[in-house]
Amino acid sequence: MALMTRADFQAGVEDILAVPSGSLKDTDSRDTVESWSSIADVQIVTYLSSELGIEPDAELIEAETFGDLVKKLEERGVLSA
């Protein structure tokens, strides 16, 4: 399993969502980011799979906010500070 920094993960998600670099907050969600659609969810899951080698599961897919997603990835030991 690969390891990625939180900053690298955030940059990747910001790229997928087409938002300015450094603008994504832990509280951001599908409700607050206009470009965060179900298609973006699939792209984020694909990104996790290709970059970190982890298979998405219900727990990751059900993350409500960017911060929730980060927390779940940190708990799995795939994100570093």
PDB file of N, CA and C in Angstrom:
ATOM      1  N   MET A   1       0.846  -1.180   0.000  1.00  0.00           N
ATOM      2  CA  MET A   1       0.000   0.000   0.000  1.00  0.00           C
ATOM      3  C   MET A   1       0.894   1.248   0.000  1.00  0.00           C
ATOM      4  N   ALA A   2       0.520   2.187  -0.795  1.00  0.00           N
ATOM      5  CA  ALA A   2       1.293   3.427  -0.913  1.00  0.00           C
ATOM      6  C   ALA A   2       0.957   4.383   0.225  1.00  0.00           C
ATOM      7  N   LEU A   3       1.766   5.417   0.341  1.00  0.00           N
ATOM      8  CA  LEU A   3       1.532   6.449   1.344  1.00  0.00           C
ATOM      9  C   LEU A   3       1.558   7.792   0.633  1.00  0.00           C
ATOM     10  N   MET A   4       0.691   8.689   1.055  1.00  0.00           N
ATOM     11  CA  MET A   4       0.580  10.000   0.430  1.00  0.00           C
ATOM     12  C   MET A   4       0.441  11.036   1.541  1.00  0.00           C
ATOM     13  N   THR A   5       0.963  12.215   1.302  1.00  0.00           N
ATOM     14  CA  THR A   5       0.763  13.267   2.295  1.00  0.00           C
ATOM     15  C   THR A   5      -0.641  13.829   2.147  1.00  0.00           C
ATOM     16  N   ARG A   6      -1.127  14.411   3.215  1.00  0.00           N
ATOM     17  CA  ARG A   6      -2.441  15.036   3.184  1.00  0.00           C
ATOM     18  C   ARG A   6      -2.469  16.141   2.118  1.00  0.00           C
ATOM     19  N   ALA A   7      -1.368  16.897   2.029  1.00  0.00           N
ATOM     20  CA  ALA A   7      -1.299  17.992   1.052  1.00  0.00           C
ATOM     21  C   ALA A   7      -1.398  17.459  -0.374  1.00  0.00           C
ATOM     22  N   ASP A   8      -0.728  16.340  -0.648  1.00  0.00           N
ATOM     23  CA  ASP A   8      -0.797  15.739  -1.984  1.00  0.00           C
ATOM     24  C   ASP A   8      -2.209  15.240  -2.295  1.00  0.00           C
ATOM     25  N   PHE A   9      -2.838  14.626  -1.287  1.00  0.00           N
ATOM     26  CA  PHE A   9      -4.206  14.143  -1.475  1.00  0.00           C
ATOM     27  C   PHE A   9      -5.151  15.316  -1.728  1.00  0.00           C
ATOM     28  N   GLN A  10      -5.000  16.371  -0.936  1.00  0.00           N
ATOM     29  CA  GLN A  10      -5.849  17.553  -1.116  1.00  0.00           C
ATOM     30  C   GLN A  10      -5.655  18.143  -2.505  1.00  0.00           C
ATOM     31  N   ALA A  11      -4.411  18.228  -2.956  1.00  0.00           N
ATOM     32  CA  ALA A  11      -4.136  18.775  -4.289  1.00  0.00           C
ATOM     33  C   ALA A  11      -4.798  17.918  -5.370  1.00  0.00           C
ATOM     34  N   GLY A  12      -4.751  16.613  -5.200  1.00  0.00           N
ATOM     35  CA  GLY A  12      -5.380  15.720  -6.162  1.00  0.00           C
ATOM     36  C   GLY A  12      -6.890  15.893  -6.213  1.00  0.00           C
ATOM     37  N   VAL A  13      -7.514  16.003  -5.041  1.00  0.00           N
ATOM     38  CA  VAL A  13      -8.968  16.185  -4.984  1.00  0.00           C
ATOM     39  C   VAL A  13      -9.347  17.561  -5.529  1.00  0.00           C
ATOM     40  N   GLU A  14      -8.554  18.570  -5.215  1.00  0.00           N
ATOM     41  CA  GLU A  14      -8.827  19.910  -5.752  1.00  0.00           C
ATOM     42  C   GLU A  14      -8.740  19.903  -7.275  1.00  0.00           C
ATOM     43  N   ASP A  15      -7.803  19.144  -7.808  1.00  0.00           N
ATOM     44  CA  ASP A  15      -7.669  19.026  -9.259  1.00  0.00           C
ATOM     45  C   ASP A  15      -8.913  18.357  -9.855  1.00  0.00           C
ATOM     46  N   ILE A  16      -9.368  17.279  -9.220  1.00  0.00           N
ATOM     47  CA  ILE A  16     -10.567  16.575  -9.685  1.00  0.00           C
ATOM     48  C   ILE A  16     -11.783  17.508  -9.646  1.00  0.00           C
ATOM     49  N   LEU A  17     -11.896  18.284  -8.568  1.00  0.00           N
ATOM     50  CA  LEU A  17     -13.055  19.171  -8.405  1.00  0.00           C
ATOM     51  C   LEU A  17     -12.904  20.491  -9.157  1.00  0.00           C
ATOM     52  N   ALA A  18     -11.731  20.730  -9.719  1.00  0.00           N
ATOM     53  CA  ALA A  18     -11.443  21.970 -10.457  1.00  0.00           C
ATOM     54  C   ALA A  18     -11.674  23.204  -9.590  1.00  0.00           C
ATOM     55  N   VAL A  19     -11.152  23.130  -8.358  1.00  0.00           N
ATOM     56  CA  VAL A  19     -11.193  24.290  -7.455  1.00  0.00           C
ATOM     57  C   VAL A  19      -9.767  24.788  -7.257  1.00  0.00           C
ATOM     58  N   PRO A  20      -9.611  26.049  -6.859  1.00  0.00           N
ATOM     59  CA  PRO A  20      -8.258  26.593  -6.677  1.00  0.00           C
ATOM     60  C   PRO A  20      -7.436  25.798  -5.660  1.00  0.00           C
ATOM     61  N   SER A  21      -6.158  25.694  -5.935  1.00  0.00           N
ATOM     62  CA  SER A  21      -5.238  24.991  -5.042  1.00  0.00           C
ATOM     63  C   SER A  21      -5.272  25.612  -3.651  1.00  0.00           C
ATOM     64  N   GLY A  22      -5.393  24.767  -2.644  1.00  0.00           N
ATOM     65  CA  GLY A  22      -5.403  25.223  -1.255  1.00  0.00           C
ATOM     66  C   GLY A  22      -6.746  25.724  -0.770  1.00  0.00           C
ATOM     67  N   SER A  23      -7.781  25.634  -1.607  1.00  0.00           N
ATOM     68  CA  SER A  23      -9.075  26.201  -1.219  1.00  0.00           C
ATOM     69  C   SER A  23     -10.012  25.206  -0.531  1.00  0.00           C
ATOM     70  N   LEU A  24      -9.753  23.925  -0.673  1.00  0.00           N
ATOM     71  CA  LEU A  24     -10.647  22.915  -0.103  1.00  0.00           C
ATOM     72  C   LEU A  24     -10.481  22.863   1.409  1.00  0.00           C
ATOM     73  N   LYS A  25     -11.594  22.981   2.130  1.00  0.00           N
ATOM     74  CA  LYS A  25     -11.585  22.944   3.597  1.00  0.00           C
ATOM     75  C   LYS A  25     -12.133  21.607   4.077  1.00  0.00           C
ATOM     76  N   ASP A  26     -11.796  21.243   5.318  1.00  0.00           N
ATOM     77  CA  ASP A  26     -12.288  19.988   5.892  1.00  0.00           C
ATOM     78  C   ASP A  26     -13.804  19.943   5.919  1.00  0.00           C
ATOM     79  N   THR A  27     -14.452  21.106   6.013  1.00  0.00           N
ATOM     80  CA  THR A  27     -15.904  21.157   6.104  1.00  0.00           C
ATOM     81  C   THR A  27     -16.588  21.098   4.739  1.00  0.00           C
ATOM     82  N   ASP A  28     -15.812  21.181   3.666  1.00  0.00           N
ATOM     83  CA  ASP A  28     -16.410  21.156   2.325  1.00  0.00           C
ATOM     84  C   ASP A  28     -17.014  19.782   2.022  1.00  0.00           C
ATOM     85  N   SER A  29     -18.121  19.824   1.281  1.00  0.00           N
ATOM     86  CA  SER A  29     -18.848  18.598   0.942  1.00  0.00           C
ATOM     87  C   SER A  29     -19.522  18.777  -0.413  1.00  0.00           C
ATOM     88  N   ARG A  30     -20.288  17.780  -0.791  1.00  0.00           N
ATOM     89  CA  ARG A  30     -21.051  17.871  -2.038  1.00  0.00           C
ATOM     90  C   ARG A  30     -22.001  19.073  -2.005  1.00  0.00           C
ATOM     91  N   ASP A  31     -22.401  19.480  -0.805  1.00  0.00           N
ATOM     92  CA  ASP A  31     -23.338  20.601  -0.658  1.00  0.00           C
ATOM     93  C   ASP A  31     -22.668  21.957  -0.819  1.00  0.00           C
ATOM     94  N   THR A  32     -21.370  22.042  -0.570  1.00  0.00           N
ATOM     95  CA  THR A  32     -20.696  23.345  -0.593  1.00  0.00           C
ATOM     96  C   THR A  32     -19.795  23.548  -1.805  1.00  0.00           C
ATOM     97  N   VAL A  33     -19.456  22.479  -2.497  1.00  0.00           N
ATOM     98  CA  VAL A  33     -18.593  22.584  -3.677  1.00  0.00           C
ATOM     99  C   VAL A  33     -19.434  22.228  -4.904  1.00  0.00           C
ATOM    100  N   GLU A  34     -19.682  23.228  -5.718  1.00  0.00           N
ATOM    101  CA  GLU A  34     -20.586  23.064  -6.864  1.00  0.00           C
ATOM    102  C   GLU A  34     -20.177  21.922  -7.791  1.00  0.00           C
ATOM    103  N   SER A  35     -18.871  21.757  -7.997  1.00  0.00           N
ATOM    104  CA  SER A  35     -18.389  20.740  -8.943  1.00  0.00           C
ATOM    105  C   SER A  35     -18.312  19.339  -8.336  1.00  0.00           C
ATOM    106  N   TRP A  36     -18.648  19.189  -7.044  1.00  0.00           N
ATOM    107  CA  TRP A  36     -18.556  17.885  -6.381  1.00  0.00           C
ATOM    108  C   TRP A  36     -19.840  17.104  -6.645  1.00  0.00           C
ATOM    109  N   SER A  37     -19.809  16.299  -7.686  1.00  0.00           N
ATOM    110  CA  SER A  37     -20.969  15.527  -8.123  1.00  0.00           C
ATOM    111  C   SER A  37     -20.701  14.040  -7.911  1.00  0.00           C
ATOM    112  N   SER A  38     -21.662  13.223  -8.292  1.00  0.00           N
ATOM    113  CA  SER A  38     -21.441  11.780  -8.205  1.00  0.00           C
ATOM    114  C   SER A  38     -20.311  11.351  -9.139  1.00  0.00           C
ATOM    115  N   ILE A  39     -20.151  12.056 -10.245  1.00  0.00           N
ATOM    116  CA  ILE A  39     -19.038  11.760 -11.161  1.00  0.00           C
ATOM    117  C   ILE A  39     -17.706  12.072 -10.474  1.00  0.00           C
ATOM    118  N   ALA A  40     -17.654  13.184  -9.737  1.00  0.00           N
ATOM    119  CA  ALA A  40     -16.440  13.523  -8.988  1.00  0.00           C
ATOM    120  C   ALA A  40     -16.165  12.464  -7.919  1.00  0.00           C
ATOM    121  N   ASP A  41     -17.222  11.938  -7.287  1.00  0.00           N
ATOM    122  CA  ASP A  41     -17.037  10.854  -6.311  1.00  0.00           C
ATOM    123  C   ASP A  41     -16.324   9.669  -6.954  1.00  0.00           C
ATOM    124  N   VAL A  42     -16.762   9.295  -8.141  1.00  0.00           N
ATOM    125  CA  VAL A  42     -16.138   8.175  -8.853  1.00  0.00           C
ATOM    126  C   VAL A  42     -14.681   8.508  -9.169  1.00  0.00           C
ATOM    127  N   GLN A  43     -14.414   9.742  -9.587  1.00  0.00           N
ATOM    128  CA  GLN A  43     -13.041  10.146  -9.899  1.00  0.00           C
ATOM    129  C   GLN A  43     -12.169  10.117  -8.649  1.00  0.00           C
ATOM    130  N   ILE A  44     -12.697  10.543  -7.513  1.00  0.00           N
ATOM    131  CA  ILE A  44     -11.937  10.532  -6.254  1.00  0.00           C
ATOM    132  C   ILE A  44     -11.623   9.092  -5.858  1.00  0.00           C
ATOM    133  N   VAL A  45     -12.612   8.214  -5.965  1.00  0.00           N
ATOM    134  CA  VAL A  45     -12.421   6.800  -5.626  1.00  0.00           C
ATOM    135  C   VAL A  45     -11.377   6.167  -6.556  1.00  0.00           C
ATOM    136  N   THR A  46     -11.451   6.493  -7.833  1.00  0.00           N
ATOM    137  CA  THR A  46     -10.470   5.981  -8.798  1.00  0.00           C
ATOM    138  C   THR A  46      -9.072   6.493  -8.467  1.00  0.00           C
ATOM    139  N   TYR A  47      -8.993   7.753  -8.086  1.00  0.00           N
ATOM    140  CA  TYR A  47      -7.718   8.367  -7.683  1.00  0.00           C
ATOM    141  C   TYR A  47      -7.136   7.623  -6.477  1.00  0.00           C
ATOM    142  N   LEU A  48      -7.977   7.347  -5.476  1.00  0.00           N
ATOM    143  CA  LEU A  48      -7.515   6.618  -4.288  1.00  0.00           C
ATOM    144  C   LEU A  48      -6.994   5.234  -4.675  1.00  0.00           C
ATOM    145  N   SER A  49      -7.708   4.589  -5.554  1.00  0.00           N
ATOM    146  CA  SER A  49      -7.322   3.249  -5.972  1.00  0.00           C
ATOM    147  C   SER A  49      -5.995   3.261  -6.733  1.00  0.00           C
ATOM    148  N   SER A  50      -5.860   4.201  -7.669  1.00  0.00           N
ATOM    149  CA  SER A  50      -4.647   4.219  -8.494  1.00  0.00           C
ATOM    150  C   SER A  50      -3.436   4.757  -7.739  1.00  0.00           C
ATOM    151  N   GLU A  51      -3.636   5.773  -6.902  1.00  0.00           N
ATOM    152  CA  GLU A  51      -2.502   6.391  -6.207  1.00  0.00           C
ATOM    153  C   GLU A  51      -2.114   5.678  -4.910  1.00  0.00           C
ATOM    154  N   LEU A  52      -3.103   5.147  -4.190  1.00  0.00           N
ATOM    155  CA  LEU A  52      -2.827   4.542  -2.892  1.00  0.00           C
ATOM    156  C   LEU A  52      -3.013   3.033  -2.881  1.00  0.00           C
ATOM    157  N   GLY A  53      -3.595   2.509  -3.944  1.00  0.00           N
ATOM    158  CA  GLY A  53      -3.782   1.067  -4.015  1.00  0.00           C
ATOM    159  C   GLY A  53      -4.822   0.539  -3.053  1.00  0.00           C
ATOM    160  N   ILE A  54      -5.754   1.386  -2.635  1.00  0.00           N
ATOM    161  CA  ILE A  54      -6.802   0.900  -1.736  1.00  0.00           C
ATOM    162  C   ILE A  54      -8.114   0.814  -2.486  1.00  0.00           C
ATOM    163  N   GLU A  55      -8.855  -0.222  -2.160  1.00  0.00           N
ATOM    164  CA  GLU A  55     -10.163  -0.398  -2.777  1.00  0.00           C
ATOM    165  C   GLU A  55     -11.186   0.383  -1.958  1.00  0.00           C
ATOM    166  N   PRO A  56     -11.985   1.169  -2.619  1.00  0.00           N
ATOM    167  CA  PRO A  56     -13.006   1.935  -1.912  1.00  0.00           C
ATOM    168  C   PRO A  56     -14.050   1.001  -1.312  1.00  0.00           C
ATOM    169  N   ASP A  57     -14.552   1.368  -0.168  1.00  0.00           N
ATOM    170  CA  ASP A  57     -15.619   0.597   0.458  1.00  0.00           C
ATOM    171  C   ASP A  57     -16.705   1.573   0.909  1.00  0.00           C
ATOM    172  N   ALA A  58     -17.751   1.040   1.489  1.00  0.00           N
ATOM    173  CA  ALA A  58     -18.890   1.876   1.890  1.00  0.00           C
ATOM    174  C   ALA A  58     -18.464   2.996   2.834  1.00  0.00           C
ATOM    175  N   GLU A  59     -17.524   2.700   3.741  1.00  0.00           N
ATOM    176  CA  GLU A  59     -17.080   3.709   4.705  1.00  0.00           C
ATOM    177  C   GLU A  59     -16.480   4.929   4.000  1.00  0.00           C
ATOM    178  N   LEU A  60     -15.636   4.706   3.006  1.00  0.00           N
ATOM    179  CA  LEU A  60     -15.042   5.822   2.269  1.00  0.00           C
ATOM    180  C   LEU A  60     -16.085   6.536   1.419  1.00  0.00           C
ATOM    181  N   ILE A  61     -16.919   5.766   0.770  1.00  0.00           N
ATOM    182  CA  ILE A  61     -17.918   6.348  -0.117  1.00  0.00           C
ATOM    183  C   ILE A  61     -18.933   7.179   0.662  1.00  0.00           C
ATOM    184  N   GLU A  62     -19.196   6.798   1.905  1.00  0.00           N
ATOM    185  CA  GLU A  62     -20.183   7.508   2.716  1.00  0.00           C
ATOM    186  C   GLU A  62     -19.625   8.728   3.428  1.00  0.00           C
ATOM    187  N   ALA A  63     -18.346   9.005   3.288  1.00  0.00           N
ATOM    188  CA  ALA A  63     -17.764  10.196   3.934  1.00  0.00           C
ATOM    189  C   ALA A  63     -18.523  11.433   3.452  1.00  0.00           C
ATOM    190  N   GLU A  64     -18.982  12.239   4.408  1.00  0.00           N
ATOM    191  CA  GLU A  64     -19.807  13.399   4.080  1.00  0.00           C
ATOM    192  C   GLU A  64     -18.991  14.615   3.642  1.00  0.00           C
ATOM    193  N   THR A  65     -17.832  14.800   4.264  1.00  0.00           N
ATOM    194  CA  THR A  65     -17.024  15.989   3.985  1.00  0.00           C
ATOM    195  C   THR A  65     -15.611  15.582   3.592  1.00  0.00           C
ATOM    196  N   PHE A  66     -14.859  16.549   3.072  1.00  0.00           N
ATOM    197  CA  PHE A  66     -13.456  16.291   2.749  1.00  0.00           C
ATOM    198  C   PHE A  66     -12.705  15.865   4.015  1.00  0.00           C
ATOM    199  N   GLY A  67     -12.989  16.541   5.130  1.00  0.00           N
ATOM    200  CA  GLY A  67     -12.346  16.200   6.404  1.00  0.00           C
ATOM    201  C   GLY A  67     -12.649  14.777   6.839  1.00  0.00           C
ATOM    202  N   ASP A  68     -13.898  14.327   6.649  1.00  0.00           N
ATOM    203  CA  ASP A  68     -14.264  12.946   6.982  1.00  0.00           C
ATOM    204  C   ASP A  68     -13.444  11.963   6.157  1.00  0.00           C
ATOM    205  N   LEU A  69     -13.297  12.285   4.891  1.00  0.00           N
ATOM    206  CA  LEU A  69     -12.534  11.419   3.992  1.00  0.00           C
ATOM    207  C   LEU A  69     -11.073  11.346   4.429  1.00  0.00           C
ATOM    208  N   VAL A  70     -10.495  12.493   4.754  1.00  0.00           N
ATOM    209  CA  VAL A  70      -9.105  12.540   5.230  1.00  0.00           C
ATOM    210  C   VAL A  70      -8.959  11.708   6.506  1.00  0.00           C
ATOM    211  N   LYS A  71      -9.894  11.886   7.437  1.00  0.00           N
ATOM    212  CA  LYS A  71      -9.828  11.159   8.715  1.00  0.00           C
ATOM    213  C   LYS A  71      -9.862   9.652   8.480  1.00  0.00           C
ATOM    214  N   LYS A  72     -10.734   9.203   7.600  1.00  0.00           N
ATOM    215  CA  LYS A  72     -10.836   7.770   7.325  1.00  0.00           C
ATOM    216  C   LYS A  72      -9.548   7.239   6.685  1.00  0.00           C
ATOM    217  N   LEU A  73      -8.939   8.045   5.826  1.00  0.00           N
ATOM    218  CA  LEU A  73      -7.679   7.627   5.204  1.00  0.00           C
ATOM    219  C   LEU A  73      -6.531   7.632   6.203  1.00  0.00           C
ATOM    220  N   GLU A  74      -6.530   8.613   7.119  1.00  0.00           N
ATOM    221  CA  GLU A  74      -5.498   8.637   8.168  1.00  0.00           C
ATOM    222  C   GLU A  74      -5.644   7.441   9.083  1.00  0.00           C
ATOM    223  N   GLU A  75      -6.877   7.068   9.413  1.00  0.00           N
ATOM    224  CA  GLU A  75      -7.112   5.892  10.266  1.00  0.00           C
ATOM    225  C   GLU A  75      -6.585   4.618   9.619  1.00  0.00           C
ATOM    226  N   ARG A  76      -6.584   4.580   8.298  1.00  0.00           N
ATOM    227  CA  ARG A  76      -6.073   3.409   7.570  1.00  0.00           C
ATOM    228  C   ARG A  76      -4.568   3.461   7.388  1.00  0.00           C
ATOM    229  N   GLY A  77      -3.959   4.569   7.786  1.00  0.00           N
ATOM    230  CA  GLY A  77      -2.512   4.693   7.702  1.00  0.00           C
ATOM    231  C   GLY A  77      -1.972   4.968   6.322  1.00  0.00           C
ATOM    232  N   VAL A  78      -2.813   5.512   5.424  1.00  0.00           N
ATOM    233  CA  VAL A  78      -2.347   5.778   4.056  1.00  0.00           C
ATOM    234  C   VAL A  78      -2.040   7.249   3.801  1.00  0.00           C
ATOM    235  N   LEU A  79      -2.404   8.110   4.766  1.00  0.00           N
ATOM    236  CA  LEU A  79      -2.075   9.532   4.651  1.00  0.00           C
ATOM    237  C   LEU A  79      -1.118   9.911   5.766  1.00  0.00           C
ATOM    238  N   SER A  80      -0.118  10.699   5.424  1.00  0.00           N
ATOM    239  CA  SER A  80       0.793  11.226   6.437  1.00  0.00           C
ATOM    240  C   SER A  80       0.611  12.736   6.508  1.00  0.00           C
ATOM    241  N   ALA A  81       1.163  13.333   7.545  1.00  0.00           N
ATOM    242  CA  ALA A  81       0.978  14.767   7.771  1.00  0.00           C
ATOM    243  C   ALA A  81       1.515  15.601   6.636  1.00  0.00           C
TER     244      ALA A  81
END
